[in-house]
Amino acid sequence: MSYLVQLRSFVEVYKAGSISKAAMRLGISQPAMSAHIHSLEAFTGCILFTRRSHGVVATVDGEELARLVASDLETIELKLSMLRSRTRKSSGTVSFIGPAELMWSKLPYLVKILFNEGIKFKVLTGNRKRIYSCLLDGSCQLGFTTSMPDKQKFGYAEIGMEKLIVVVASLIADNFKENEDVIDTLSKLPLIAYDEQLPLIREVFQDSSRFFALLRPSITVPDLRILERMIRENIGWTVMPEYLCAQSIAGGQIVEVNVHERLPINSIYLVWIDSSLRNPLVSGIRDRILELSKNSGFMV
C-alpha cells in the first residue's frame, strides 16, 4: 500500500504546526487530514504529534520522519509540478506581499518583465508579521522581506541586498562642514523614524550605544517614502535604504552623511511555503524571479 498521500499530509502538518491549517492548504477537510495522520501512526507504530492549545508539535519520532521524507517528497512534487507546467498554458493569479516601500520601488520592474495576458497579479503590502501570516494562511503565495525567514516553515532565497545610509537634506548638510563631529551634529537635528523602536537606525548605530540610547524621534511615520519626502523638505535626518533615495541624491536634494566606514547591508529574500509551489504558475514565477536576481541583480 502506498502512503504518499498520508506522507504529504504529515509534512504539511509538520510545517504548519496545525492540522486545520494544513488541511486548508491542501484543500481537504480537517477530519480527512486527521485520518491521514492516524493512518500513518498506525503504520509506523509511532505517535507523530502531540496536541497543544494552539496546534500540534512533532514528537521525537515525528521529527525523525520529517527529516527522512520531507526533502524527498518536496523534490518529487516540484518535479511533477514542472512537468505539468510544460503541458499547460500559463494562466491564473499570483499573489505577492512585501513591505510597501520595497514593492513601490522594485515591483513595477518585476511585473513588467513577468506580465502576460494569461497571468494576473494581486499585490498586498504589510509589515513582517503580516507578510509571514499571509504566506502561512495561503492568502499570498510569494513574499519579499528583509528579515530572515524560519527555514522550518518557509522556503526562501536571497535575491538582493539593501544598503542602509544616513541622510539629510542638502541645505542641512552644510552643518556637517562646520562641525567635523558627525555624531554631535546629528544629535542637534530632529530625528525622523519609522517608529519608536528605531528600526534601521538601530542597525547603523549599534556600535554607538551611548549615542543611540539618547535618540528620541521627533517624528514617526510608518512609511519610508514619506520619510524620504520629509528629508527633501529639510526636516531633520534619518536612516533608509539607499535605493529609496538614490534619485534624490543624484538630483542633489538629499545628501548621504558618512558616519561609519562600513554601513549595514541587509539581505532581501523571496519567501514561499512549499505547498504554494504545487501550483505550476507560482513555481514558474518564483523560478523566473530567482533567475532575474542571479542574472541582472533584480534587487540592489
C-alpha atoms as a PDB file:
ATOM      1  CA  MET A   1       0.000   0.000   0.000  1.00  0.00           C
ATOM      2  CA  SER A   2       1.305   3.469  -0.914  1.00  0.00           C
ATOM      3  CA  TYR A   3       1.404   6.078   1.819  1.00  0.00           C
ATOM      4  CA  LEU A   4       2.355   9.057  -0.362  1.00  0.00           C
ATOM      5  CA  VAL A   5      -0.909  10.893   0.366  1.00  0.00           C
ATOM      6  CA  GLN A   6      -0.510  10.369   4.103  1.00  0.00           C
ATOM      7  CA  LEU A   7       3.125  11.477   3.978  1.00  0.00           C
ATOM      8  CA  ARG A   8       2.149  14.599   2.096  1.00  0.00           C
ATOM      9  CA  SER A   9      -0.390  15.403   4.815  1.00  0.00           C
ATOM     10  CA  PHE A  10       2.160  14.659   7.531  1.00  0.00           C
ATOM     11  CA  VAL A  11       4.742  17.043   6.067  1.00  0.00           C
ATOM     12  CA  GLU A  12       2.121  19.782   5.721  1.00  0.00           C
ATOM     13  CA  VAL A  13       1.010  19.400   9.359  1.00  0.00           C
ATOM     14  CA  TYR A  14       4.652  19.370  10.456  1.00  0.00           C
ATOM     15  CA  LYS A  15       5.338  22.658   8.686  1.00  0.00           C
ATOM     16  CA  ALA A  16       2.065  24.353   9.619  1.00  0.00           C
ATOM     17  CA  GLY A  17       2.071  23.210  13.240  1.00  0.00           C
ATOM     18  CA  SER A  18      -1.681  22.808  12.888  1.00  0.00           C
ATOM     19  CA  ILE A  19      -3.975  20.151  11.443  1.00  0.00           C
ATOM     20  CA  SER A  20      -6.615  22.710  10.455  1.00  0.00           C
ATOM     21  CA  LYS A  21      -4.107  24.986   8.685  1.00  0.00           C
ATOM     22  CA  ALA A  22      -2.560  22.039   6.869  1.00  0.00           C
ATOM     23  CA  ALA A  23      -5.982  20.845   5.750  1.00  0.00           C
ATOM     24  CA  MET A  24      -6.792  24.308   4.404  1.00  0.00           C
ATOM     25  CA  ARG A  25      -3.535  24.453   2.454  1.00  0.00           C
ATOM     26  CA  LEU A  26      -4.152  21.069   0.831  1.00  0.00           C
ATOM     27  CA  GLY A  27      -7.826  21.743   0.207  1.00  0.00           C
ATOM     28  CA  ILE A  28      -9.131  18.806   2.226  1.00  0.00           C
ATOM     29  CA  SER A  29     -11.313  18.549   5.326  1.00  0.00           C
ATOM     30  CA  GLN A  30      -9.868  18.532   8.815  1.00  0.00           C
ATOM     31  CA  PRO A  31     -11.275  15.032   9.562  1.00  0.00           C
ATOM     32  CA  ALA A  32      -9.604  13.730   6.392  1.00  0.00           C
ATOM     33  CA  MET A  33      -6.308  15.276   7.456  1.00  0.00           C
ATOM     34  CA  SER A  34      -6.606  13.731  10.926  1.00  0.00           C
ATOM     35  CA  ALA A  35      -7.381  10.361   9.341  1.00  0.00           C
ATOM     36  CA  HIS A  36      -4.210  10.578   7.248  1.00  0.00           C
ATOM     37  CA  ILE A  37      -2.111  11.210  10.358  1.00  0.00           C
ATOM     38  CA  HIS A  38      -3.784   8.399  12.324  1.00  0.00           C
ATOM     39  CA  SER A  39      -3.258   6.020   9.395  1.00  0.00           C
ATOM     40  CA  LEU A  40       0.435   6.877   9.262  1.00  0.00           C
ATOM     41  CA  GLU A  41       0.765   6.479  13.032  1.00  0.00           C
ATOM     42  CA  ALA A  42      -0.873   3.056  12.822  1.00  0.00           C
ATOM     43  CA  PHE A  43       1.502   2.023  10.031  1.00  0.00           C
ATOM     44  CA  THR A  44       4.675   3.252  11.773  1.00  0.00           C
ATOM     45  CA  GLY A  45       3.603   2.331  15.292  1.00  0.00           C
ATOM     46  CA  CYS A  46       4.672   5.794  16.453  1.00  0.00           C
ATOM     47  CA  ILE A  47       2.908   8.846  17.805  1.00  0.00           C
ATOM     48  CA  LEU A  48       3.924  11.626  15.420  1.00  0.00           C
ATOM     49  CA  PHE A  49       2.363  14.707  17.046  1.00  0.00           C
ATOM     50  CA  THR A  50       1.272  15.886  20.459  1.00  0.00           C
ATOM     51  CA  ARG A  51      -1.603  18.330  20.753  1.00  0.00           C
ATOM     52  CA  ARG A  52      -1.128  21.768  22.273  1.00  0.00           C
ATOM     53  CA  SER A  53      -3.564  24.583  22.985  1.00  0.00           C
ATOM     54  CA  HIS A  54      -2.694  26.187  19.648  1.00  0.00           C
ATOM     55  CA  GLY A  55      -1.986  23.358  17.238  1.00  0.00           C
ATOM     56  CA  VAL A  56       0.338  20.370  17.342  1.00  0.00           C
ATOM     57  CA  VAL A  57       4.053  19.755  17.906  1.00  0.00           C
ATOM     58  CA  ALA A  58       6.056  16.923  16.387  1.00  0.00           C
ATOM     59  CA  THR A  59       7.294  14.209  18.739  1.00  0.00           C
ATOM     60  CA  VAL A  60      10.840  12.849  18.522  1.00  0.00           C
ATOM     61  CA  ASP A  61       9.549  10.207  16.085  1.00  0.00           C
ATOM     62  CA  GLY A  62       7.722  12.881  14.131  1.00  0.00           C
ATOM     63  CA  GLU A  63      10.894  14.950  13.845  1.00  0.00           C
ATOM     64  CA  GLU A  64      12.795  11.899  12.609  1.00  0.00           C
ATOM     65  CA  LEU A  65      10.158  11.068   9.995  1.00  0.00           C
ATOM     66  CA  ALA A  66      10.175  14.664   8.764  1.00  0.00           C
ATOM     67  CA  ARG A  67      13.953  14.549   8.461  1.00  0.00           C
ATOM     68  CA  LEU A  68      13.751  11.332   6.434  1.00  0.00           C
ATOM     69  CA  VAL A  69      10.984  12.189   3.970  1.00  0.00           C
ATOM     70  CA  ALA A  70      10.263  15.937   3.774  1.00  0.00           C
ATOM     71  CA  SER A  71      13.026  16.908   1.366  1.00  0.00           C
ATOM     72  CA  ASP A  72      12.464  13.960  -0.991  1.00  0.00           C
ATOM     73  CA  LEU A  73       8.702  14.470  -1.036  1.00  0.00           C
ATOM     74  CA  GLU A  74       9.093  18.159  -1.882  1.00  0.00           C
ATOM     75  CA  THR A  75      11.502  17.285  -4.701  1.00  0.00           C
ATOM     76  CA  ILE A  76       9.023  14.816  -6.189  1.00  0.00           C
ATOM     77  CA  GLU A  77       6.168  17.328  -6.019  1.00  0.00           C
ATOM     78  CA  LEU A  78       8.299  20.056  -7.584  1.00  0.00           C
ATOM     79  CA  LYS A  79       9.280  17.813 -10.498  1.00  0.00           C
ATOM     80  CA  LEU A  80       5.671  16.815 -11.078  1.00  0.00           C
ATOM     81  CA  SER A  81       4.684  20.489 -10.987  1.00  0.00           C
ATOM     82  CA  MET A  82       7.368  21.329 -13.558  1.00  0.00           C
ATOM     83  CA  LEU A  83       6.137  18.543 -15.827  1.00  0.00           C
ATOM     84  CA  ARG A  84       2.562  19.774 -15.553  1.00  0.00           C
ATOM     85  CA  SER A  85       3.608  23.357 -16.328  1.00  0.00           C
ATOM     86  CA  ARG A  86       5.082  22.249 -19.654  1.00  0.00           C
ATOM     87  CA  THR A  87       1.764  20.866 -20.810  1.00  0.00           C
ATOM     88  CA  ARG A  88      -0.470  23.710 -19.616  1.00  0.00           C
ATOM     89  CA  LYS A  89      -0.781  27.282 -20.764  1.00  0.00           C
ATOM     90  CA  SER A  90       0.279  29.703 -18.032  1.00  0.00           C
ATOM     91  CA  SER A  91      -2.805  31.440 -16.676  1.00  0.00           C
ATOM     92  CA  GLY A  92      -4.232  32.403 -13.312  1.00  0.00           C
ATOM     93  CA  THR A  93      -3.386  34.739 -10.444  1.00  0.00           C
ATOM     94  CA  VAL A  94      -0.160  35.035  -8.485  1.00  0.00           C
ATOM     95  CA  SER A  95      -0.261  36.995  -5.231  1.00  0.00           C
ATOM     96  CA  PHE A  96       2.701  38.910  -3.787  1.00  0.00           C
ATOM     97  CA  ILE A  97       3.211  40.572  -0.420  1.00  0.00           C
ATOM     98  CA  GLY A  98       6.061  42.680   0.936  1.00  0.00           C
ATOM     99  CA  PRO A  99       6.968  45.977   2.614  1.00  0.00           C
ATOM    100  CA  ALA A 100       5.169  48.862   0.893  1.00  0.00           C
ATOM    101  CA  GLU A 101       8.381  50.781   0.192  1.00  0.00           C
ATOM    102  CA  LEU A 102      10.132  47.800  -1.354  1.00  0.00           C
ATOM    103  CA  MET A 103       7.128  46.915  -3.500  1.00  0.00           C
ATOM    104  CA  TRP A 104       6.741  50.547  -4.588  1.00  0.00           C
ATOM    105  CA  SER A 105      10.365  50.744  -5.645  1.00  0.00           C
ATOM    106  CA  LYS A 106      11.003  47.346  -7.216  1.00  0.00           C
ATOM    107  CA  LEU A 107       7.784  45.501  -8.066  1.00  0.00           C
ATOM    108  CA  PRO A 108       6.810  47.520 -11.195  1.00  0.00           C
ATOM    109  CA  TYR A 109      10.077  46.454 -12.818  1.00  0.00           C
ATOM    110  CA  LEU A 110       9.351  42.833 -11.963  1.00  0.00           C
ATOM    111  CA  VAL A 111       5.746  42.860 -13.148  1.00  0.00           C
ATOM    112  CA  LYS A 112       6.745  44.487 -16.437  1.00  0.00           C
ATOM    113  CA  ILE A 113       9.013  41.534 -17.185  1.00  0.00           C
ATOM    114  CA  LEU A 114       6.677  38.780 -15.962  1.00  0.00           C
ATOM    115  CA  PHE A 115       3.360  40.128 -17.181  1.00  0.00           C
ATOM    116  CA  ASN A 116       1.447  38.456 -19.985  1.00  0.00           C
ATOM    117  CA  GLU A 117      -2.211  38.236 -20.935  1.00  0.00           C
ATOM    118  CA  GLY A 118      -2.770  34.942 -19.143  1.00  0.00           C
ATOM    119  CA  ILE A 119      -1.383  35.966 -15.759  1.00  0.00           C
ATOM    120  CA  LYS A 120      -2.950  38.273 -13.190  1.00  0.00           C
ATOM    121  CA  PHE A 121      -1.108  39.705 -10.208  1.00  0.00           C
ATOM    122  CA  LYS A 122      -2.503  40.532  -6.782  1.00  0.00           C
ATOM    123  CA  VAL A 123      -0.243  42.693  -4.619  1.00  0.00           C
ATOM    124  CA  LEU A 124      -0.549  43.246  -0.865  1.00  0.00           C
ATOM    125  CA  THR A 125       1.700  45.168   1.499  1.00  0.00           C
ATOM    126  CA  GLY A 126       2.427  44.735   5.171  1.00  0.00           C
ATOM    127  CA  ASN A 127       4.968  44.508   7.952  1.00  0.00           C
ATOM    128  CA  ARG A 128       6.978  41.408   8.789  1.00  0.00           C
ATOM    129  CA  LYS A 129       4.223  39.833  10.890  1.00  0.00           C
ATOM    130  CA  ARG A 130       1.594  40.259   8.186  1.00  0.00           C
ATOM    131  CA  ILE A 131       3.918  39.027   5.424  1.00  0.00           C
ATOM    132  CA  TYR A 132       4.554  35.712   7.145  1.00  0.00           C
ATOM    133  CA  SER A 133       0.947  35.375   8.280  1.00  0.00           C
ATOM    134  CA  CYS A 134      -0.380  35.825   4.731  1.00  0.00           C
ATOM    135  CA  LEU A 135       2.067  33.253   3.392  1.00  0.00           C
ATOM    136  CA  LEU A 136       1.093  30.730   6.055  1.00  0.00           C
ATOM    137  CA  ASP A 137      -2.658  31.148   5.649  1.00  0.00           C
ATOM    138  CA  GLY A 138      -2.410  30.954   1.856  1.00  0.00           C
ATOM    139  CA  SER A 139      -3.726  34.427   1.074  1.00  0.00           C
ATOM    140  CA  CYS A 140      -0.390  35.194  -0.616  1.00  0.00           C
ATOM    141  CA  GLN A 141       1.925  32.864  -2.464  1.00  0.00           C
ATOM    142  CA  LEU A 142       5.204  34.770  -2.731  1.00  0.00           C
ATOM    143  CA  GLY A 143       6.632  37.286  -0.290  1.00  0.00           C
ATOM    144  CA  PHE A 144       9.500  39.761  -0.146  1.00  0.00           C
ATOM    145  CA  THR A 145      11.185  40.529   3.163  1.00  0.00           C
ATOM    146  CA  THR A 146      14.433  41.729   4.706  1.00  0.00           C
ATOM    147  CA  SER A 147      14.029  39.525   7.789  1.00  0.00           C
ATOM    148  CA  MET A 148      15.495  36.013   7.935  1.00  0.00           C
ATOM    149  CA  PRO A 149      12.641  33.507   7.370  1.00  0.00           C
ATOM    150  CA  ASP A 150      12.097  30.456   9.581  1.00  0.00           C
ATOM    151  CA  LYS A 151      13.556  27.636   7.474  1.00  0.00           C
ATOM    152  CA  GLN A 152      11.276  25.082   9.124  1.00  0.00           C
ATOM    153  CA  LYS A 153       8.167  26.902   7.906  1.00  0.00           C
ATOM    154  CA  PHE A 154       9.290  28.583   4.697  1.00  0.00           C
ATOM    155  CA  GLY A 155      11.325  28.131   1.585  1.00  0.00           C
ATOM    156  CA  TYR A 156      13.373  31.186   0.698  1.00  0.00           C
ATOM    157  CA  ALA A 157      16.259  32.534  -1.339  1.00  0.00           C
ATOM    158  CA  GLU A 158      18.306  35.709  -1.197  1.00  0.00           C
ATOM    159  CA  ILE A 159      17.535  37.846  -4.241  1.00  0.00           C
ATOM    160  CA  GLY A 160      19.400  41.037  -3.423  1.00  0.00           C
ATOM    161  CA  MET A 161      20.763  43.442  -0.870  1.00  0.00           C
ATOM    162  CA  GLU A 162      19.853  46.843   0.556  1.00  0.00           C
ATOM    163  CA  LYS A 163      22.458  49.259   1.890  1.00  0.00           C
ATOM    164  CA  LEU A 164      21.411  51.459   4.801  1.00  0.00           C
ATOM    165  CA  ILE A 165      22.611  55.062   4.765  1.00  0.00           C
ATOM    166  CA  VAL A 166      22.240  58.166   6.939  1.00  0.00           C
ATOM    167  CA  VAL A 167      20.682  61.046   5.016  1.00  0.00           C
ATOM    168  CA  VAL A 168      19.883  64.739   5.423  1.00  0.00           C
ATOM    169  CA  ALA A 169      18.658  67.440   3.073  1.00  0.00           C
ATOM    170  CA  SER A 170      21.309  69.217   1.018  1.00  0.00           C
ATOM    171  CA  LEU A 171      20.663  72.513   2.847  1.00  0.00           C
ATOM    172  CA  ILE A 172      21.198  70.859   6.232  1.00  0.00           C
ATOM    173  CA  ALA A 173      24.393  69.180   5.010  1.00  0.00           C
ATOM    174  CA  ASP A 174      26.255  72.475   5.493  1.00  0.00           C
ATOM    175  CA  ASN A 175      26.023  71.886   9.263  1.00  0.00           C
ATOM    176  CA  PHE A 176      28.417  68.970   8.895  1.00  0.00           C
ATOM    177  CA  LYS A 177      31.013  71.130   7.163  1.00  0.00           C
ATOM    178  CA  GLU A 178      31.068  73.462  10.144  1.00  0.00           C
ATOM    179  CA  ASN A 179      31.356  70.649  12.693  1.00  0.00           C
ATOM    180  CA  GLU A 180      33.544  67.633  11.959  1.00  0.00           C
ATOM    181  CA  ASP A 181      31.934  65.681  14.798  1.00  0.00           C
ATOM    182  CA  VAL A 182      29.171  63.959  12.804  1.00  0.00           C
ATOM    183  CA  ILE A 183      27.514  62.356  15.826  1.00  0.00           C
ATOM    184  CA  ASP A 184      27.366  65.685  17.651  1.00  0.00           C
ATOM    185  CA  THR A 185      25.801  67.378  14.626  1.00  0.00           C
ATOM    186  CA  LEU A 186      23.189  64.642  14.245  1.00  0.00           C
ATOM    187  CA  SER A 187      22.257  64.919  17.923  1.00  0.00           C
ATOM    188  CA  LYS A 188      21.289  68.568  17.364  1.00  0.00           C
ATOM    189  CA  LEU A 189      18.950  67.797  14.450  1.00  0.00           C
ATOM    190  CA  PRO A 190      15.399  66.373  14.565  1.00  0.00           C
ATOM    191  CA  LEU A 191      15.300  62.601  14.058  1.00  0.00           C
ATOM    192  CA  ILE A 192      12.608  61.167  11.778  1.00  0.00           C
ATOM    193  CA  ALA A 193      11.973  57.454  12.296  1.00  0.00           C
ATOM    194  CA  TYR A 194       9.722  54.645  11.105  1.00  0.00           C
ATOM    195  CA  ASP A 195       8.530  54.046  14.678  1.00  0.00           C
ATOM    196  CA  GLU A 196       9.606  54.407  18.308  1.00  0.00           C
ATOM    197  CA  GLN A 197      11.700  51.225  18.146  1.00  0.00           C
ATOM    198  CA  LEU A 198      14.026  52.946  15.644  1.00  0.00           C
ATOM    199  CA  PRO A 199      14.435  50.138  13.116  1.00  0.00           C
ATOM    200  CA  LEU A 200      17.241  50.709  10.576  1.00  0.00           C
ATOM    201  CA  ILE A 201      18.627  53.459  12.827  1.00  0.00           C
ATOM    202  CA  ARG A 202      19.361  50.817  15.455  1.00  0.00           C
ATOM    203  CA  GLU A 203      21.322  48.772  12.913  1.00  0.00           C
ATOM    204  CA  VAL A 204      23.511  51.689  11.846  1.00  0.00           C
ATOM    205  CA  PHE A 205      24.319  52.882  15.369  1.00  0.00           C
ATOM    206  CA  GLN A 206      24.542  49.561  17.206  1.00  0.00           C
ATOM    207  CA  ASP A 207      28.221  50.247  17.922  1.00  0.00           C
ATOM    208  CA  SER A 208      27.467  53.760  19.202  1.00  0.00           C
ATOM    209  CA  SER A 209      25.435  52.639  22.199  1.00  0.00           C
ATOM    210  CA  ARG A 210      25.733  55.886  24.159  1.00  0.00           C
ATOM    211  CA  PHE A 211      24.512  57.974  21.219  1.00  0.00           C
ATOM    212  CA  PHE A 212      21.731  55.519  20.376  1.00  0.00           C
ATOM    213  CA  ALA A 213      20.478  55.471  23.978  1.00  0.00           C
ATOM    214  CA  LEU A 214      19.884  59.222  23.793  1.00  0.00           C
ATOM    215  CA  LEU A 215      17.997  59.152  20.499  1.00  0.00           C
ATOM    216  CA  ARG A 216      14.333  60.155  20.601  1.00  0.00           C
ATOM    217  CA  PRO A 217      12.416  60.606  17.345  1.00  0.00           C
ATOM    218  CA  SER A 218      10.804  63.985  16.744  1.00  0.00           C
ATOM    219  CA  ILE A 219       8.529  62.457  14.095  1.00  0.00           C
ATOM    220  CA  THR A 220       7.484  58.841  13.485  1.00  0.00           C
ATOM    221  CA  VAL A 221       6.000  57.795  10.150  1.00  0.00           C
ATOM    222  CA  PRO A 222       5.484  54.103   9.267  1.00  0.00           C
ATOM    223  CA  ASP A 223       6.295  54.667   5.599  1.00  0.00           C
ATOM    224  CA  LEU A 224       9.846  55.273   4.411  1.00  0.00           C
ATOM    225  CA  ARG A 225       8.611  57.050   1.285  1.00  0.00           C
ATOM    226  CA  ILE A 226       7.131  59.788   3.464  1.00  0.00           C
ATOM    227  CA  LEU A 227      10.362  59.975   5.451  1.00  0.00           C
ATOM    228  CA  GLU A 228      12.289  60.485   2.233  1.00  0.00           C
ATOM    229  CA  ARG A 229       9.955  63.312   1.227  1.00  0.00           C
ATOM    230  CA  MET A 230      10.362  64.973   4.635  1.00  0.00           C
ATOM    231  CA  ILE A 231      14.134  64.858   4.323  1.00  0.00           C
ATOM    232  CA  ARG A 232      13.855  66.564   0.941  1.00  0.00           C
ATOM    233  CA  GLU A 233      11.823  69.283   2.653  1.00  0.00           C
ATOM    234  CA  ASN A 234      14.734  69.990   5.047  1.00  0.00           C
ATOM    235  CA  ILE A 235      13.271  68.239   8.087  1.00  0.00           C
ATOM    236  CA  GLY A 236      15.934  66.530  10.184  1.00  0.00           C
ATOM    237  CA  TRP A 237      17.748  63.276   9.424  1.00  0.00           C
ATOM    238  CA  THR A 238      17.027  59.568   9.170  1.00  0.00           C
ATOM    239  CA  VAL A 239      18.339  56.194   8.021  1.00  0.00           C
ATOM    240  CA  MET A 240      16.889  54.457   4.985  1.00  0.00           C
ATOM    241  CA  PRO A 241      17.762  52.008   2.208  1.00  0.00           C
ATOM    242  CA  GLU A 242      19.895  53.645  -0.453  1.00  0.00           C
ATOM    243  CA  TYR A 243      17.592  52.571  -3.295  1.00  0.00           C
ATOM    244  CA  LEU A 244      14.722  54.638  -1.864  1.00  0.00           C
ATOM    245  CA  CYS A 245      16.584  57.939  -2.083  1.00  0.00           C
ATOM    246  CA  ALA A 246      19.041  57.291  -4.931  1.00  0.00           C
ATOM    247  CA  GLN A 247      17.201  59.653  -7.303  1.00  0.00           C
ATOM    248  CA  SER A 248      17.082  62.462  -4.745  1.00  0.00           C
ATOM    249  CA  ILE A 249      20.786  62.011  -4.025  1.00  0.00           C
ATOM    250  CA  ALA A 250      21.571  62.105  -7.743  1.00  0.00           C
ATOM    251  CA  GLY A 251      19.435  65.252  -8.047  1.00  0.00           C
ATOM    252  CA  GLY A 252      21.239  66.981  -5.183  1.00  0.00           C
ATOM    253  CA  GLN A 253      18.187  67.221  -2.909  1.00  0.00           C
ATOM    254  CA  ILE A 254      19.456  64.712  -0.361  1.00  0.00           C
ATOM    255  CA  VAL A 255      22.988  64.101   0.893  1.00  0.00           C
ATOM    256  CA  GLU A 256      24.434  60.967   2.450  1.00  0.00           C
ATOM    257  CA  VAL A 257      26.210  61.564   5.753  1.00  0.00           C
ATOM    258  CA  ASN A 258      29.358  59.493   6.260  1.00  0.00           C
ATOM    259  CA  VAL A 259      29.007  58.091   9.760  1.00  0.00           C
ATOM    260  CA  HIS A 260      30.920  54.806   9.595  1.00  0.00           C
ATOM    261  CA  GLU A 261      33.317  53.289   7.106  1.00  0.00           C
ATOM    262  CA  ARG A 262      31.090  50.234   6.814  1.00  0.00           C
ATOM    263  CA  LEU A 263      27.331  50.586   6.910  1.00  0.00           C
ATOM    264  CA  PRO A 264      24.907  47.673   7.382  1.00  0.00           C
ATOM    265  CA  ILE A 265      23.721  45.780   4.329  1.00  0.00           C
ATOM    266  CA  ASN A 266      20.516  43.756   4.651  1.00  0.00           C
ATOM    267  CA  SER A 267      19.634  40.736   2.573  1.00  0.00           C
ATOM    268  CA  ILE A 268      16.362  40.801   0.636  1.00  0.00           C
ATOM    269  CA  TYR A 269      14.596  37.442   0.486  1.00  0.00           C
ATOM    270  CA  LEU A 270      11.961  35.894  -1.727  1.00  0.00           C
ATOM    271  CA  VAL A 271       9.832  33.669   0.530  1.00  0.00           C
ATOM    272  CA  TRP A 272       7.185  30.981  -0.052  1.00  0.00           C
ATOM    273  CA  ILE A 273       5.656  27.917   1.537  1.00  0.00           C
ATOM    274  CA  ASP A 274       6.344  24.702  -0.321  1.00  0.00           C
ATOM    275  CA  SER A 275       2.673  23.865  -0.802  1.00  0.00           C
ATOM    276  CA  SER A 276       2.280  27.007  -2.948  1.00  0.00           C
ATOM    277  CA  LEU A 277       4.757  25.564  -5.441  1.00  0.00           C
ATOM    278  CA  ARG A 278       2.311  22.802  -6.297  1.00  0.00           C
ATOM    279  CA  ASN A 279       0.744  25.446  -8.497  1.00  0.00           C
ATOM    280  CA  PRO A 280       2.941  25.368 -11.631  1.00  0.00           C
ATOM    281  CA  LEU A 281       2.253  29.046 -12.297  1.00  0.00           C
ATOM    282  CA  VAL A 282       3.584  30.040  -8.868  1.00  0.00           C
ATOM    283  CA  SER A 283       6.638  27.803  -9.153  1.00  0.00           C
ATOM    284  CA  GLY A 284       7.330  29.213 -12.620  1.00  0.00           C
ATOM    285  CA  ILE A 285       7.102  32.821 -11.426  1.00  0.00           C
ATOM    286  CA  ARG A 286       9.322  32.026  -8.452  1.00  0.00           C
ATOM    287  CA  ASP A 287      11.946  30.444 -10.697  1.00  0.00           C
ATOM    288  CA  ARG A 288      11.848  33.440 -13.043  1.00  0.00           C
ATOM    289  CA  ILE A 289      12.398  35.856 -10.149  1.00  0.00           C
ATOM    290  CA  LEU A 290      15.346  33.794  -8.920  1.00  0.00           C
ATOM    291  CA  GLU A 291      16.768  33.792 -12.435  1.00  0.00           C
ATOM    292  CA  LEU A 292      16.420  37.571 -12.666  1.00  0.00           C
ATOM    293  CA  SER A 293      18.145  38.032  -9.325  1.00  0.00           C
ATOM    294  CA  LYS A 294      21.138  35.992 -10.476  1.00  0.00           C
ATOM    295  CA  ASN A 295      21.482  37.406 -13.965  1.00  0.00           C
ATOM    296  CA  SER A 296      20.579  41.065 -13.664  1.00  0.00           C
ATOM    297  CA  GLY A 297      20.670  41.950  -9.991  1.00  0.00           C
ATOM    298  CA  PHE A 298      16.905  42.337  -9.578  1.00  0.00           C
ATOM    299  CA  MET A 299      17.413  43.999  -6.188  1.00  0.00           C
ATOM    300  CA  VAL A 300      20.217  46.437  -5.471  1.00  0.00           C
END
